[in-house]
């Protein structure tokens, strides 16, 4: 691994560690203002993967400039859909993106992937 990649990984780990420490030290304030404790695990996963997919696609487009890969628009659309579904709380879109993440978009069964009930 080259030094730029090592620096990027170290910077990302440092930012995640600082954000975690800030969250844990101010948990009551953060929960009262941002309502993070109201999200279930599937919502957190959709936020995480949506932001990650959009950031990764944009990074690859900027980094490779003229080289085009047909998969990037698909992942960019999927990530944007996840963020839109979470931001505006659109349950049918959450179900579709949940099934796409599980790889079950051609599933025959009638079971739901996204659980709307709170555990």
N, C-alpha and C. Protein backbone atom coordinates (compact mmCIF):
# COMPACT_ATOMS: atom_id res chain seq x y z
N UNK A 1 0.85 -1.17 0.00
CA UNK A 1 0.00 0.00 0.00
C UNK A 1 0.90 1.24 0.00
N UNK A 2 0.57 2.22 -0.81
CA UNK A 2 1.40 3.42 -0.88
C UNK A 2 1.10 4.37 0.27
N UNK A 3 1.91 5.40 0.39
CA UNK A 3 1.79 6.31 1.54
C UNK A 3 0.53 7.16 1.50
N UNK A 4 0.01 7.45 0.31
CA UNK A 4 -1.23 8.23 0.22
C UNK A 4 -2.40 7.41 0.77
N UNK A 5 -2.45 6.12 0.42
CA UNK A 5 -3.53 5.26 0.93
C UNK A 5 -3.41 5.09 2.43
N UNK A 6 -2.20 4.93 2.94
CA UNK A 6 -2.01 4.80 4.38
C UNK A 6 -2.44 6.07 5.10
N UNK A 7 -2.12 7.21 4.54
CA UNK A 7 -2.54 8.48 5.13
C UNK A 7 -4.04 8.65 5.12
N UNK A 8 -4.68 8.23 4.02
CA UNK A 8 -6.14 8.33 3.93
C UNK A 8 -6.82 7.41 4.94
N UNK A 9 -6.31 6.20 5.10
CA UNK A 9 -6.88 5.26 6.07
C UNK A 9 -6.68 5.78 7.49
N UNK A 10 -5.49 6.31 7.77
CA UNK A 10 -5.23 6.86 9.09
C UNK A 10 -6.13 8.06 9.37
N UNK A 11 -6.32 8.93 8.38
CA UNK A 11 -7.20 10.09 8.55
C UNK A 11 -8.64 9.68 8.78
N UNK A 12 -9.11 8.68 8.03
CA UNK A 12 -10.49 8.21 8.23
C UNK A 12 -10.66 7.59 9.61
N UNK A 13 -9.68 6.80 10.05
CA UNK A 13 -9.76 6.21 11.38
C UNK A 13 -9.72 7.28 12.46
N UNK A 14 -8.93 8.31 12.26
CA UNK A 14 -8.85 9.41 13.22
C UNK A 14 -10.18 10.16 13.30
N UNK A 15 -10.80 10.43 12.15
CA UNK A 15 -12.10 11.11 12.15
C UNK A 15 -13.19 10.26 12.80
N UNK A 16 -13.20 8.98 12.53
CA UNK A 16 -14.20 8.09 13.14
C UNK A 16 -13.99 8.02 14.65
N UNK A 17 -12.74 7.92 15.08
CA UNK A 17 -12.44 7.89 16.51
C UNK A 17 -12.84 9.19 17.20
N UNK A 18 -12.55 10.32 16.58
CA UNK A 18 -12.91 11.61 17.18
C UNK A 18 -14.43 11.78 17.23
N UNK A 19 -15.12 11.37 16.17
CA UNK A 19 -16.59 11.47 16.17
C UNK A 19 -17.19 10.54 17.22
N UNK A 20 -16.64 9.35 17.38
CA UNK A 20 -17.14 8.42 18.40
C UNK A 20 -16.91 8.96 19.80
N UNK A 21 -15.73 9.52 20.04
CA UNK A 21 -15.45 10.09 21.35
C UNK A 21 -16.36 11.28 21.65
N UNK A 22 -16.59 12.12 20.66
CA UNK A 22 -17.49 13.26 20.83
C UNK A 22 -18.91 12.80 21.09
N UNK A 23 -19.35 11.78 20.37
CA UNK A 23 -20.70 11.26 20.56
C UNK A 23 -20.85 10.66 21.96
N UNK A 24 -19.89 9.87 22.39
CA UNK A 24 -20.00 9.22 23.69
C UNK A 24 -19.91 10.21 24.84
N UNK A 25 -19.15 11.30 24.67
CA UNK A 25 -19.04 12.28 25.75
C UNK A 25 -20.27 13.18 25.84
N UNK A 26 -20.98 13.36 24.73
CA UNK A 26 -22.15 14.24 24.70
C UNK A 26 -23.40 13.48 24.27
N UNK A 27 -23.51 12.22 24.63
CA UNK A 27 -24.62 11.39 24.15
C UNK A 27 -26.00 11.95 24.46
N UNK A 28 -26.30 12.42 25.67
CA UNK A 28 -27.64 12.96 25.91
C UNK A 28 -27.96 14.17 25.03
N UNK A 29 -26.99 15.06 24.84
CA UNK A 29 -27.21 16.24 24.01
C UNK A 29 -27.41 15.83 22.55
N UNK A 30 -26.57 14.93 22.04
CA UNK A 30 -26.67 14.49 20.65
C UNK A 30 -28.00 13.79 20.40
N UNK A 31 -28.41 12.91 21.32
CA UNK A 31 -29.67 12.20 21.15
C UNK A 31 -30.87 13.14 21.22
N UNK A 32 -30.79 14.18 22.04
CA UNK A 32 -31.93 15.10 22.14
C UNK A 32 -32.03 16.02 20.93
N UNK A 33 -30.91 16.33 20.29
CA UNK A 33 -30.95 17.25 19.15
C UNK A 33 -31.01 16.55 17.80
N UNK A 34 -30.39 15.39 17.67
CA UNK A 34 -30.35 14.71 16.37
C UNK A 34 -31.24 13.48 16.30
N UNK A 35 -31.81 13.06 17.41
CA UNK A 35 -32.70 11.91 17.45
C UNK A 35 -32.05 10.64 16.90
N UNK A 36 -30.79 10.41 17.22
CA UNK A 36 -30.09 9.24 16.70
C UNK A 36 -30.56 7.96 17.36
N UNK A 37 -31.07 8.02 18.57
CA UNK A 37 -31.49 6.80 19.23
C UNK A 37 -32.83 6.30 18.68
N UNK A 38 -33.53 7.10 17.88
CA UNK A 38 -34.80 6.67 17.32
C UNK A 38 -34.65 5.82 16.07
N UNK A 39 -33.46 5.75 15.50
CA UNK A 39 -33.25 4.97 14.29
C UNK A 39 -32.99 3.51 14.64
N UNK A 40 -33.53 2.63 13.83
CA UNK A 40 -33.24 1.22 14.03
C UNK A 40 -32.01 0.84 13.21
N UNK A 41 -31.55 -0.38 13.39
CA UNK A 41 -30.30 -0.82 12.78
C UNK A 41 -30.38 -0.78 11.26
N UNK A 42 -31.50 -1.14 10.69
CA UNK A 42 -31.63 -1.11 9.23
C UNK A 42 -31.54 0.31 8.69
N UNK A 43 -32.09 1.28 9.42
CA UNK A 43 -31.98 2.67 8.98
C UNK A 43 -30.53 3.14 9.02
N UNK A 44 -29.82 2.77 10.08
CA UNK A 44 -28.40 3.12 10.16
C UNK A 44 -27.63 2.49 9.02
N UNK A 45 -27.94 1.23 8.69
CA UNK A 45 -27.25 0.55 7.59
C UNK A 45 -27.53 1.24 6.26
N UNK A 46 -28.77 1.64 6.03
CA UNK A 46 -29.09 2.33 4.77
C UNK A 46 -28.39 3.68 4.68
N UNK A 47 -28.34 4.43 5.78
CA UNK A 47 -27.58 5.70 5.79
C UNK A 47 -26.11 5.43 5.47
N UNK A 48 -25.52 4.47 6.17
CA UNK A 48 -24.09 4.19 6.01
C UNK A 48 -23.77 3.77 4.58
N UNK A 49 -24.49 2.77 4.07
CA UNK A 49 -24.19 2.29 2.73
C UNK A 49 -24.53 3.32 1.66
N UNK A 50 -25.59 4.10 1.85
CA UNK A 50 -25.93 5.13 0.89
C UNK A 50 -24.85 6.19 0.77
N UNK A 51 -24.41 6.70 1.91
CA UNK A 51 -23.34 7.71 1.89
C UNK A 51 -22.05 7.13 1.36
N UNK A 52 -21.74 5.90 1.75
CA UNK A 52 -20.51 5.27 1.29
C UNK A 52 -20.54 5.06 -0.22
N UNK A 53 -21.65 4.58 -0.77
CA UNK A 53 -21.72 4.35 -2.21
C UNK A 53 -21.61 5.64 -3.00
N UNK A 54 -22.28 6.68 -2.57
CA UNK A 54 -22.20 7.97 -3.27
C UNK A 54 -20.78 8.53 -3.20
N UNK A 55 -20.18 8.50 -2.02
CA UNK A 55 -18.81 9.02 -1.87
C UNK A 55 -17.82 8.21 -2.69
N UNK A 56 -17.96 6.90 -2.69
CA UNK A 56 -17.04 6.04 -3.44
C UNK A 56 -17.15 6.30 -4.94
N UNK A 57 -18.38 6.40 -5.44
CA UNK A 57 -18.56 6.64 -6.88
C UNK A 57 -18.01 8.00 -7.28
N UNK A 58 -18.29 9.01 -6.49
CA UNK A 58 -17.76 10.34 -6.81
C UNK A 58 -16.24 10.36 -6.74
N UNK A 59 -15.67 9.67 -5.77
CA UNK A 59 -14.21 9.58 -5.66
C UNK A 59 -13.62 8.90 -6.89
N UNK A 60 -14.23 7.80 -7.32
CA UNK A 60 -13.72 7.06 -8.48
C UNK A 60 -13.84 7.90 -9.76
N UNK A 61 -14.92 8.63 -9.90
CA UNK A 61 -15.08 9.46 -11.10
C UNK A 61 -14.03 10.57 -11.11
N UNK A 62 -13.79 11.21 -9.98
CA UNK A 62 -12.80 12.28 -9.91
C UNK A 62 -11.40 11.73 -10.08
N UNK A 63 -11.14 10.60 -9.48
CA UNK A 63 -9.79 10.02 -9.50
C UNK A 63 -9.41 9.50 -10.88
N UNK A 64 -10.36 8.87 -11.60
CA UNK A 64 -10.04 8.24 -12.88
C UNK A 64 -10.33 9.16 -14.06
N UNK A 65 -10.90 10.27 -13.84
CA UNK A 65 -11.22 11.30 -14.82
C UNK A 65 -11.89 10.76 -16.07
N UNK A 66 -11.16 10.44 -17.12
CA UNK A 66 -11.76 10.07 -18.40
C UNK A 66 -12.15 8.61 -18.52
N UNK A 67 -11.72 7.76 -17.61
CA UNK A 67 -12.02 6.33 -17.70
C UNK A 67 -13.42 6.09 -17.12
N UNK A 68 -14.27 5.47 -17.92
CA UNK A 68 -15.66 5.25 -17.51
C UNK A 68 -15.89 3.78 -17.23
N UNK A 69 -16.58 3.50 -16.13
CA UNK A 69 -16.98 2.14 -15.78
C UNK A 69 -18.50 2.12 -15.69
N UNK A 70 -19.15 1.21 -16.34
CA UNK A 70 -20.60 1.17 -16.42
C UNK A 70 -21.26 0.90 -15.07
N UNK A 71 -20.54 0.39 -14.08
CA UNK A 71 -21.14 0.07 -12.78
C UNK A 71 -21.31 1.30 -11.90
N UNK A 72 -20.54 2.35 -12.09
CA UNK A 72 -20.58 3.51 -11.21
C UNK A 72 -21.94 4.20 -11.19
N UNK A 73 -22.58 4.44 -12.33
CA UNK A 73 -23.91 5.08 -12.26
C UNK A 73 -24.93 4.23 -11.51
N UNK A 74 -24.83 2.91 -11.63
CA UNK A 74 -25.77 2.03 -10.92
C UNK A 74 -25.58 2.18 -9.41
N UNK A 75 -24.35 2.14 -8.95
CA UNK A 75 -24.09 2.27 -7.51
C UNK A 75 -24.42 3.68 -7.03
N UNK A 76 -24.18 4.68 -7.86
CA UNK A 76 -24.51 6.06 -7.49
C UNK A 76 -26.03 6.23 -7.34
N UNK A 77 -26.79 5.65 -8.24
CA UNK A 77 -28.25 5.72 -8.15
C UNK A 77 -28.74 4.97 -6.93
N UNK A 78 -28.19 3.79 -6.65
CA UNK A 78 -28.61 3.02 -5.49
C UNK A 78 -28.29 3.77 -4.19
N UNK A 79 -27.09 4.34 -4.09
CA UNK A 79 -26.72 5.10 -2.90
C UNK A 79 -27.58 6.35 -2.73
N UNK A 80 -27.85 7.04 -3.82
CA UNK A 80 -28.71 8.23 -3.75
C UNK A 80 -30.13 7.87 -3.34
N UNK A 81 -30.62 6.73 -3.82
CA UNK A 81 -31.95 6.27 -3.45
C UNK A 81 -32.02 5.94 -1.96
N UNK A 82 -30.96 5.33 -1.44
CA UNK A 82 -30.93 5.02 0.00
C UNK A 82 -30.98 6.30 0.83
N UNK A 83 -30.20 7.29 0.44
CA UNK A 83 -30.18 8.55 1.18
C UNK A 83 -31.54 9.24 1.07
N UNK A 84 -32.12 9.26 -0.12
CA UNK A 84 -33.44 9.88 -0.31
C UNK A 84 -34.50 9.17 0.54
N UNK A 85 -34.48 7.84 0.53
CA UNK A 85 -35.48 7.07 1.28
C UNK A 85 -35.36 7.33 2.77
N UNK A 86 -34.15 7.47 3.27
CA UNK A 86 -33.96 7.73 4.69
C UNK A 86 -34.30 9.18 5.04
N UNK A 87 -33.91 10.10 4.20
CA UNK A 87 -34.12 11.52 4.48
C UNK A 87 -35.61 11.85 4.54
N UNK A 88 -36.38 11.32 3.58
CA UNK A 88 -37.81 11.62 3.51
C UNK A 88 -38.69 10.50 4.05
N UNK A 89 -38.09 9.46 4.61
CA UNK A 89 -38.80 8.34 5.26
C UNK A 89 -39.82 7.70 4.31
N UNK A 90 -39.35 7.28 3.15
CA UNK A 90 -40.20 6.61 2.15
C UNK A 90 -40.01 5.11 2.32
N UNK A 91 -40.99 4.45 2.95
CA UNK A 91 -40.87 3.04 3.30
C UNK A 91 -40.78 2.13 2.07
N UNK A 92 -41.55 2.34 0.98
CA UNK A 92 -41.39 1.45 -0.18
C UNK A 92 -39.98 1.51 -0.78
N UNK A 93 -39.37 2.69 -0.81
CA UNK A 93 -37.99 2.79 -1.31
C UNK A 93 -37.01 2.11 -0.35
N UNK A 94 -37.29 2.20 0.94
CA UNK A 94 -36.44 1.51 1.92
C UNK A 94 -36.51 0.00 1.69
N UNK A 95 -37.69 -0.50 1.39
CA UNK A 95 -37.86 -1.94 1.12
C UNK A 95 -37.08 -2.35 -0.13
N UNK A 96 -37.16 -1.55 -1.18
CA UNK A 96 -36.46 -1.87 -2.43
C UNK A 96 -34.95 -1.86 -2.21
N UNK A 97 -34.43 -0.84 -1.56
CA UNK A 97 -32.98 -0.77 -1.34
C UNK A 97 -32.51 -1.84 -0.37
N UNK A 98 -33.33 -2.20 0.60
CA UNK A 98 -32.98 -3.29 1.51
C UNK A 98 -32.86 -4.60 0.74
N UNK A 99 -33.79 -4.86 -0.16
CA UNK A 99 -33.72 -6.07 -0.97
C UNK A 99 -32.52 -6.05 -1.91
N UNK A 100 -32.18 -4.87 -2.43
CA UNK A 100 -31.00 -4.78 -3.30
C UNK A 100 -29.72 -5.09 -2.52
N UNK A 101 -29.65 -4.59 -1.28
CA UNK A 101 -28.47 -4.88 -0.46
C UNK A 101 -28.36 -6.37 -0.14
N UNK A 102 -29.48 -7.01 0.11
CA UNK A 102 -29.47 -8.43 0.42
C UNK A 102 -29.29 -9.29 -0.82
N UNK A 103 -29.41 -8.70 -1.98
CA UNK A 103 -29.30 -9.47 -3.21
C UNK A 103 -30.54 -10.30 -3.48
N UNK A 104 -31.67 -9.89 -2.89
CA UNK A 104 -32.90 -10.66 -3.01
C UNK A 104 -33.93 -9.94 -3.86
N UNK A 105 -33.51 -9.15 -4.83
CA UNK A 105 -34.47 -8.39 -5.61
C UNK A 105 -35.27 -9.25 -6.58
N UNK A 106 -34.88 -10.51 -6.78
CA UNK A 106 -35.65 -11.43 -7.61
C UNK A 106 -36.30 -12.52 -6.77
N UNK A 107 -36.46 -12.26 -5.49
CA UNK A 107 -37.00 -13.26 -4.58
C UNK A 107 -38.48 -13.51 -4.88
N UNK A 108 -38.90 -14.77 -4.76
CA UNK A 108 -40.28 -15.16 -5.03
C UNK A 108 -41.16 -14.98 -3.79
N UNK A 109 -40.59 -15.18 -2.60
CA UNK A 109 -41.37 -15.16 -1.36
C UNK A 109 -42.04 -13.83 -1.09
N UNK A 110 -42.96 -13.84 -0.13
CA UNK A 110 -43.74 -12.64 0.16
C UNK A 110 -43.25 -11.92 1.42
N UNK A 111 -42.14 -12.34 2.00
CA UNK A 111 -41.65 -11.73 3.22
C UNK A 111 -41.02 -10.38 2.97
N UNK A 112 -41.05 -9.54 3.99
CA UNK A 112 -40.46 -8.21 3.88
C UNK A 112 -38.99 -8.25 4.29
N UNK A 113 -38.23 -7.38 3.67
CA UNK A 113 -36.83 -7.22 4.05
C UNK A 113 -36.71 -6.11 5.08
N UNK A 114 -37.34 -4.99 4.84
CA UNK A 114 -37.29 -3.84 5.75
C UNK A 114 -38.38 -3.98 6.80
N UNK A 115 -38.02 -4.02 8.04
CA UNK A 115 -38.98 -4.16 9.13
C UNK A 115 -39.37 -2.78 9.62
N UNK A 116 -40.65 -2.46 9.55
CA UNK A 116 -41.11 -1.14 9.98
C UNK A 116 -41.40 -1.08 11.46
N UNK A 117 -41.54 -2.22 12.11
CA UNK A 117 -41.83 -2.22 13.55
C UNK A 117 -40.55 -2.06 14.37
N UNK A 118 -40.67 -1.43 15.49
CA UNK A 118 -39.52 -1.21 16.38
C UNK A 118 -39.39 -2.39 17.32
N UNK A 119 -38.15 -2.84 17.50
CA UNK A 119 -37.91 -3.96 18.41
C UNK A 119 -37.67 -3.49 19.80
